[in-house]
Amino acid sequence: MLVVVTRKLPRAVEERMRALFDVELNATDRPLSQDELASAAARADVLVPTVTDRIDATVIERAGPRLRLLANFGVGVNHVDLRAAQARGIQVSNTPGVLTDATADIAMLLILAVTRRASAGERLLREGRFTGWTPTFHLGTSLRGKRLAVVGLGRIGQALARRARVFGLEIHYHNRQRVSRQTENELAASYEPDLDLLLAEADVVSLHCPLTPQTRHLFSSERLSRIRPSAYLVNTARGEIVDEAALAARLRSGGLAGAGLDVYEAEPEVHPDLLGLDNVVLLPHLGSATEEARLAMGQKVIQNISALAAGEPLPDTVLP
């Protein structure tokens, strides 16, 4: 069974794949073009894409009769045309659960960094503009007693809420469906069915919802205007959930106090208006970037491929 991997994976994962499968690896880690992805799909039994690969209907239409599984290295599958895959009878798997803590850590880091102006402070120091401590120098905002609005209280949203409670934040959330009372009690979280009302009362807004047609530009210029000027926005979900141009305009005009971003609309490009703002903390998509998380993601991929080879149900099936 031929397994084609589109990007370079951790060494231990690649070595395990070599031991188990007939595998083609990407030693250079160069992103594949759409034609190269289609060529891989045409000859593979299993294709292992990542978030950087657009597995659209054209790629899937050109897939050969051997292709049985798209074993995605990552949780989000918005880069895969699930309906086209389903129509061809191609299964899709992902790697849920194993990157929850790593991503929640980055969200908490961004909350701390943007509210305490850490990124701007580091730049000031490195540029030689720090002239010494004074009582009013570079003041930020404390978190204790502030209201955190979690948009999407799934695994990562819940993990962030647990961390945020340690810092004294009040947890409020909006979700497609209300979570169990047990979970609400554990997190001391209150549910708000009206997203705009949640935003209007928040001090920090953290995004953890999936990217779907309904959530694309969920945070448009109009919705961003519902957040009060003293509040902060953090996004570790998907860049397309936020209209970056509108966000930059709000930040530049004082309509928001700050933002912390780990994901972007046109990754790896970042909207140029964001790059020059001191009230924005920008990270290069580090959400799952720990050795432990990436190794666990690779193991998930291997488990799904092994299940396919054994004729067993996939442990991490994704449905349209």
Protein backbone atom coordinates (compact mmCIF):
# COMPACT_ATOMS: atom_id res chain seq x y z
CA MET A 1 0.00 0.00 0.00
CA LEU A 2 1.61 3.26 -1.16
CA VAL A 3 1.45 6.18 1.29
CA VAL A 4 2.40 9.63 -0.03
CA VAL A 5 3.21 12.32 2.56
CA THR A 6 3.03 15.93 1.36
CA ARG A 7 5.27 17.65 3.95
CA LYS A 8 8.23 16.72 6.14
CA LEU A 9 7.06 15.11 9.41
CA PRO A 10 8.99 14.54 12.66
CA ARG A 11 11.81 12.04 12.17
CA ALA A 12 10.36 9.42 14.51
CA VAL A 13 7.06 9.51 12.62
CA GLU A 14 8.74 9.14 9.23
CA GLU A 15 10.90 6.26 10.50
CA ARG A 16 7.83 4.45 11.82
CA MET A 17 6.05 4.97 8.49
CA ARG A 18 9.05 3.52 6.62
CA ALA A 19 8.91 0.45 8.83
CA LEU A 20 5.19 -0.10 8.27
CA PHE A 21 4.36 1.10 4.76
CA ASP A 22 5.66 1.73 1.27
CA VAL A 23 5.98 5.47 1.75
CA GLU A 24 7.02 8.51 -0.30
CA LEU A 25 8.28 11.31 1.96
CA ASN A 26 8.92 14.98 1.23
CA ALA A 27 12.55 15.38 2.24
CA THR A 28 12.74 19.03 1.15
CA ASP A 29 9.50 20.09 2.91
CA ARG A 30 8.62 22.13 -0.18
CA PRO A 31 4.85 22.72 -0.50
CA LEU A 32 3.42 20.72 -3.39
CA SER A 33 1.64 22.48 -6.24
CA GLN A 34 -1.93 21.55 -7.15
CA ASP A 35 -0.64 19.50 -10.08
CA GLU A 36 1.79 17.68 -7.80
CA LEU A 37 -0.97 16.97 -5.28
CA ALA A 38 -3.16 15.61 -8.06
CA SER A 39 -0.27 13.44 -9.29
CA ALA A 40 0.22 12.08 -5.77
CA ALA A 41 -3.50 11.36 -5.45
CA ALA A 42 -3.42 9.56 -8.79
CA ARG A 43 -0.82 6.99 -7.68
CA ALA A 44 -1.33 6.66 -3.90
CA ASP A 45 -3.46 4.36 -1.78
CA VAL A 46 -3.20 6.88 1.06
CA LEU A 47 -2.42 10.59 0.82
CA VAL A 48 -1.24 12.36 3.99
CA PRO A 49 -1.91 16.09 3.52
CA THR A 50 -1.52 18.96 5.97
CA VAL A 51 -3.25 22.32 6.42
CA THR A 52 -0.95 23.80 3.76
CA ASP A 53 -2.41 21.55 1.04
CA ARG A 54 -5.62 22.43 -0.81
CA ILE A 55 -7.26 19.09 -1.54
CA ASP A 56 -10.06 20.49 -3.68
CA ALA A 57 -12.51 18.81 -6.02
CA THR A 58 -10.06 18.98 -8.93
CA VAL A 59 -7.37 17.10 -7.00
CA ILE A 60 -9.92 14.50 -5.88
CA GLU A 61 -11.36 14.11 -9.40
CA ARG A 62 -7.87 13.29 -10.67
CA ALA A 63 -7.30 10.70 -7.94
CA GLY A 64 -6.67 7.19 -9.11
CA PRO A 65 -8.81 4.17 -8.26
CA ARG A 66 -6.28 3.15 -5.61
CA LEU A 67 -6.81 6.21 -3.38
CA ARG A 68 -8.80 5.06 -0.36
CA LEU A 69 -7.83 7.48 2.42
CA LEU A 70 -6.88 11.12 3.00
CA ALA A 71 -5.13 10.80 6.38
CA ASN A 72 -4.91 14.45 7.35
CA PHE A 73 -2.01 15.52 9.59
CA GLY A 74 -4.04 17.96 11.69
CA VAL A 75 -7.48 18.45 13.17
CA GLY A 76 -9.06 20.99 10.84
CA VAL A 77 -10.11 19.68 7.42
CA ASN A 78 -11.45 22.86 5.85
CA HIS A 79 -8.71 22.50 3.20
CA VAL A 80 -10.26 19.20 2.04
CA ASP A 81 -13.38 19.03 -0.16
CA LEU A 82 -15.21 16.48 1.99
CA ARG A 83 -18.20 16.17 -0.33
CA ALA A 84 -15.98 15.41 -3.32
CA ALA A 85 -14.12 12.81 -1.25
CA GLN A 86 -17.37 11.23 -0.12
CA ALA A 87 -18.65 11.10 -3.70
CA ARG A 88 -15.53 9.15 -4.71
CA GLY A 89 -15.77 6.83 -1.70
CA ILE A 90 -12.51 8.16 -0.25
CA GLN A 91 -12.31 8.16 3.53
CA VAL A 92 -10.94 11.14 5.46
CA SER A 93 -9.31 11.03 8.90
CA ASN A 94 -7.76 13.64 11.18
CA THR A 95 -5.80 13.89 14.45
CA PRO A 96 -8.15 15.17 17.19
CA GLY A 97 -7.40 15.48 20.89
CA VAL A 98 -3.60 15.37 20.81
CA LEU A 99 -2.96 19.07 20.14
CA THR A 100 -5.52 20.46 22.59
CA ASP A 101 -3.12 21.47 25.35
CA ALA A 102 -0.48 22.89 23.01
CA THR A 103 -3.02 25.14 21.27
CA ALA A 104 -4.66 26.22 24.54
CA ASP A 105 -1.21 27.16 25.84
CA ILE A 106 -0.64 29.42 22.82
CA ALA A 107 -4.06 31.04 23.28
CA MET A 108 -3.26 31.77 26.92
CA LEU A 109 0.17 33.06 25.93
CA LEU A 110 -1.43 35.47 23.45
CA ILE A 111 -3.93 36.68 26.05
CA LEU A 112 -1.12 37.44 28.49
CA ALA A 113 1.15 38.94 25.85
CA VAL A 114 -1.40 41.31 24.34
CA THR A 115 -2.94 42.50 27.61
CA ARG A 116 0.51 43.14 29.15
CA ARG A 117 1.91 44.61 25.91
CA ALA A 118 4.79 42.12 26.01
CA SER A 119 5.57 42.09 22.30
CA ALA A 120 5.72 45.88 22.04
CA GLY A 121 7.84 45.98 25.20
CA GLU A 122 10.35 43.51 23.80
CA ARG A 123 10.65 45.49 20.56
CA LEU A 124 11.21 48.69 22.56
CA LEU A 125 13.99 47.00 24.56
CA ARG A 126 15.70 45.45 21.53
CA GLU A 127 15.62 48.78 19.71
CA GLY A 128 17.44 50.48 22.60
CA ARG A 129 14.49 52.68 23.56
CA PHE A 130 14.19 51.47 27.17
CA THR A 131 15.44 54.30 29.38
CA GLY A 132 14.51 52.85 32.77
CA TRP A 133 11.56 52.09 35.00
CA THR A 134 9.00 54.78 35.83
CA PRO A 135 5.60 54.46 37.60
CA THR A 136 3.64 55.04 34.38
CA PHE A 137 5.87 53.18 31.91
CA HIS A 138 4.27 50.72 29.45
CA LEU A 139 1.18 49.89 31.49
CA GLY A 140 -0.98 46.94 30.52
CA THR A 141 -4.20 45.39 31.83
CA SER A 142 -4.60 42.83 34.60
CA LEU A 143 -6.78 39.77 34.03
CA ARG A 144 -8.29 39.03 37.43
CA GLY A 145 -12.00 39.73 37.44
CA LYS A 146 -12.17 40.34 33.69
CA ARG A 147 -14.67 38.57 31.41
CA LEU A 148 -13.31 36.06 28.90
CA ALA A 149 -15.63 35.27 25.98
CA VAL A 150 -14.80 31.87 24.49
CA VAL A 151 -16.32 31.47 21.03
CA GLY A 152 -16.44 27.69 20.54
CA LEU A 153 -16.24 25.67 23.75
CA GLY A 154 -14.89 22.43 22.31
CA ARG A 155 -11.76 20.62 23.47
CA ILE A 156 -9.42 23.58 22.99
CA GLY A 157 -11.92 26.16 24.24
CA GLN A 158 -12.44 24.15 27.41
CA ALA A 159 -8.69 23.70 27.91
CA LEU A 160 -8.22 27.46 27.58
CA ALA A 161 -11.04 28.08 30.08
CA ARG A 162 -9.27 25.89 32.65
CA ARG A 163 -6.08 27.89 32.22
CA ALA A 164 -7.88 31.23 32.25
CA ARG A 165 -9.63 30.48 35.55
CA VAL A 166 -6.21 30.20 37.22
CA PHE A 167 -5.59 33.82 36.21
CA GLY A 168 -8.91 34.93 37.72
CA LEU A 169 -10.86 35.40 34.50
CA GLU A 170 -14.63 34.89 34.45
CA ILE A 171 -15.61 32.39 31.76
CA HIS A 172 -18.49 33.09 29.38
CA TYR A 173 -19.02 31.22 26.14
CA HIS A 174 -21.00 30.91 22.90
CA ASN A 175 -21.33 27.57 21.13
CA ARG A 176 -23.46 25.96 18.44
CA GLN A 177 -24.87 23.81 21.22
CA ARG A 178 -24.79 24.38 24.94
CA VAL A 179 -22.31 22.08 26.71
CA SER A 180 -23.37 19.85 29.60
CA ARG A 181 -24.17 21.34 32.98
CA GLN A 182 -21.36 19.23 34.40
CA THR A 183 -18.85 20.93 32.08
CA GLU A 184 -20.30 24.36 32.83
CA ASN A 185 -19.99 23.71 36.55
CA GLU A 186 -16.44 22.41 36.21
CA LEU A 187 -15.38 25.53 34.29
CA ALA A 188 -17.65 27.94 36.18
CA ALA A 189 -18.74 28.95 32.69
CA SER A 190 -21.94 30.75 31.74
CA TYR A 191 -23.61 30.22 28.36
CA GLU A 192 -24.71 33.10 26.14
CA PRO A 193 -26.79 32.10 23.09
CA ASP A 194 -26.52 35.61 21.59
CA LEU A 195 -22.99 36.05 20.22
CA ASP A 196 -23.31 39.81 19.87
CA LEU A 197 -24.41 40.20 23.46
CA LEU A 198 -21.49 38.05 24.60
CA LEU A 199 -19.06 40.24 22.70
CA ALA A 200 -20.52 43.48 23.99
CA GLU A 201 -19.77 42.47 27.59
CA ALA A 202 -16.37 40.84 27.06
CA ASP A 203 -12.93 42.08 28.07
CA VAL A 204 -11.10 39.36 26.11
CA VAL A 205 -12.55 37.38 23.18
CA SER A 206 -10.85 34.10 22.22
CA LEU A 207 -11.84 32.23 19.04
CA HIS A 208 -11.96 28.42 18.97
CA CYS A 209 -14.72 27.64 16.45
CA PRO A 210 -14.11 25.59 13.28
CA LEU A 211 -13.92 27.20 9.85
CA THR A 212 -17.14 26.53 7.92
CA PRO A 213 -19.08 28.53 5.32
CA GLN A 214 -21.06 29.93 8.26
CA THR A 215 -18.01 31.03 10.27
CA ARG A 216 -15.97 32.48 7.38
CA HIS A 217 -15.61 36.19 8.26
CA LEU A 218 -17.83 35.59 11.28
CA PHE A 219 -15.87 38.49 12.73
CA SER A 220 -16.65 41.02 10.05
CA SER A 221 -16.35 44.77 10.44
CA GLU A 222 -19.90 44.88 11.78
CA ARG A 223 -19.32 42.14 14.35
CA LEU A 224 -15.98 43.58 15.43
CA SER A 225 -17.82 46.82 16.16
CA ARG A 226 -19.86 44.97 18.80
CA ILE A 227 -16.70 44.47 20.88
CA ARG A 228 -15.97 47.40 23.16
CA PRO A 229 -12.84 49.50 22.53
CA SER A 230 -11.16 48.40 25.77
CA ALA A 231 -11.32 44.68 24.83
CA TYR A 232 -8.85 42.31 23.17
CA LEU A 233 -9.34 39.69 20.43
CA VAL A 234 -7.31 36.44 20.24
CA ASN A 235 -7.49 33.97 17.34
CA THR A 236 -5.84 30.54 17.39
CA ALA A 237 -8.59 28.82 15.32
CA ARG A 238 -8.51 29.68 11.60
CA GLY A 239 -7.49 32.98 10.03
CA GLU A 240 -10.48 33.17 7.70
CA ILE A 241 -12.85 33.51 10.65
CA VAL A 242 -11.68 37.13 11.01
CA ASP A 243 -11.75 39.84 8.35
CA GLU A 244 -8.13 40.95 8.75
CA ALA A 245 -8.56 44.27 6.94
CA ALA A 246 -11.49 45.15 9.20
CA LEU A 247 -9.55 44.06 12.27
CA ALA A 248 -6.56 46.20 11.31
CA ALA A 249 -8.83 49.20 10.80
CA ARG A 250 -10.46 48.72 14.23
CA LEU A 251 -7.09 48.39 15.94
CA ARG A 252 -5.63 51.40 14.16
CA SER A 253 -8.62 53.61 15.02
CA GLY A 254 -8.77 52.59 18.69
CA GLY A 255 -11.89 50.48 18.22
CA LEU A 256 -10.08 47.59 19.93
CA ALA A 257 -7.36 47.69 22.58
CA GLY A 258 -5.36 44.90 20.98
CA ALA A 259 -5.26 41.52 19.27
CA GLY A 260 -3.21 38.34 19.45
CA LEU A 261 -3.09 36.21 16.28
CA ASP A 262 -1.57 32.82 15.51
CA VAL A 263 -3.46 32.22 12.23
CA TYR A 264 -4.10 34.36 9.15
CA GLU A 265 -6.49 34.65 6.23
CA ALA A 266 -3.92 34.14 3.47
CA GLU A 267 -1.23 32.25 5.36
CA PRO A 268 1.73 32.62 5.27
CA GLU A 269 0.91 36.19 4.20
CA VAL A 270 -0.17 38.60 6.94
CA HIS A 271 -2.23 41.68 6.18
CA PRO A 272 0.36 44.50 5.88
CA ASP A 273 -1.71 46.87 8.03
CA LEU A 274 -1.34 44.47 10.98
CA LEU A 275 2.44 44.31 10.74
CA GLY A 276 2.97 47.93 11.71
CA LEU A 277 0.71 47.98 14.76
CA ASP A 278 2.17 47.89 18.28
CA ASN A 279 -1.10 46.66 19.82
CA VAL A 280 -0.96 43.32 17.94
CA VAL A 281 0.96 40.19 18.92
CA LEU A 282 1.67 38.04 15.85
CA LEU A 283 2.84 34.41 15.98
CA PRO A 284 3.67 32.14 12.99
CA HIS A 285 0.98 29.44 13.50
CA LEU A 286 2.56 27.87 16.59
CA GLY A 287 -0.65 26.38 18.01
CA SER A 288 0.39 22.72 17.85
CA ALA A 289 4.13 23.39 17.56
CA THR A 290 5.48 21.21 20.35
CA GLU A 291 7.49 18.06 19.81
CA GLU A 292 5.00 16.10 21.88
CA ALA A 293 1.95 17.29 19.96
CA ARG A 294 3.46 16.74 16.51
CA LEU A 295 4.66 13.24 17.42
CA ALA A 296 1.20 12.39 18.76
CA MET A 297 -0.38 13.73 15.56
CA GLY A 298 1.91 11.50 13.52
CA GLN A 299 0.95 8.51 15.62
CA LYS A 300 -2.71 9.28 14.97
CA VAL A 301 -2.05 9.31 11.22
CA ILE A 302 -0.26 5.95 11.45
CA GLN A 303 -3.11 4.44 13.49
CA ASN A 304 -5.66 5.47 10.87
CA ILE A 305 -3.58 4.10 7.99
CA SER A 306 -2.97 0.86 9.89
CA ALA A 307 -6.70 0.48 10.53
CA LEU A 308 -7.37 0.91 6.81
CA ALA A 309 -4.75 -1.71 5.96
CA ALA A 310 -6.30 -4.12 8.45
CA GLY A 311 -9.81 -3.55 7.14
CA GLU A 312 -10.89 -2.07 10.46
CA PRO A 313 -12.93 1.10 11.18
CA LEU A 314 -10.79 4.22 11.29
CA PRO A 315 -10.39 5.59 14.82
CA ASP A 316 -10.65 9.21 13.63
CA THR A 317 -13.13 9.33 10.76
CA VAL A 318 -14.24 12.77 9.54
CA LEU A 319 -17.73 13.06 8.05
CA PRO A 320 -18.96 15.85 5.75
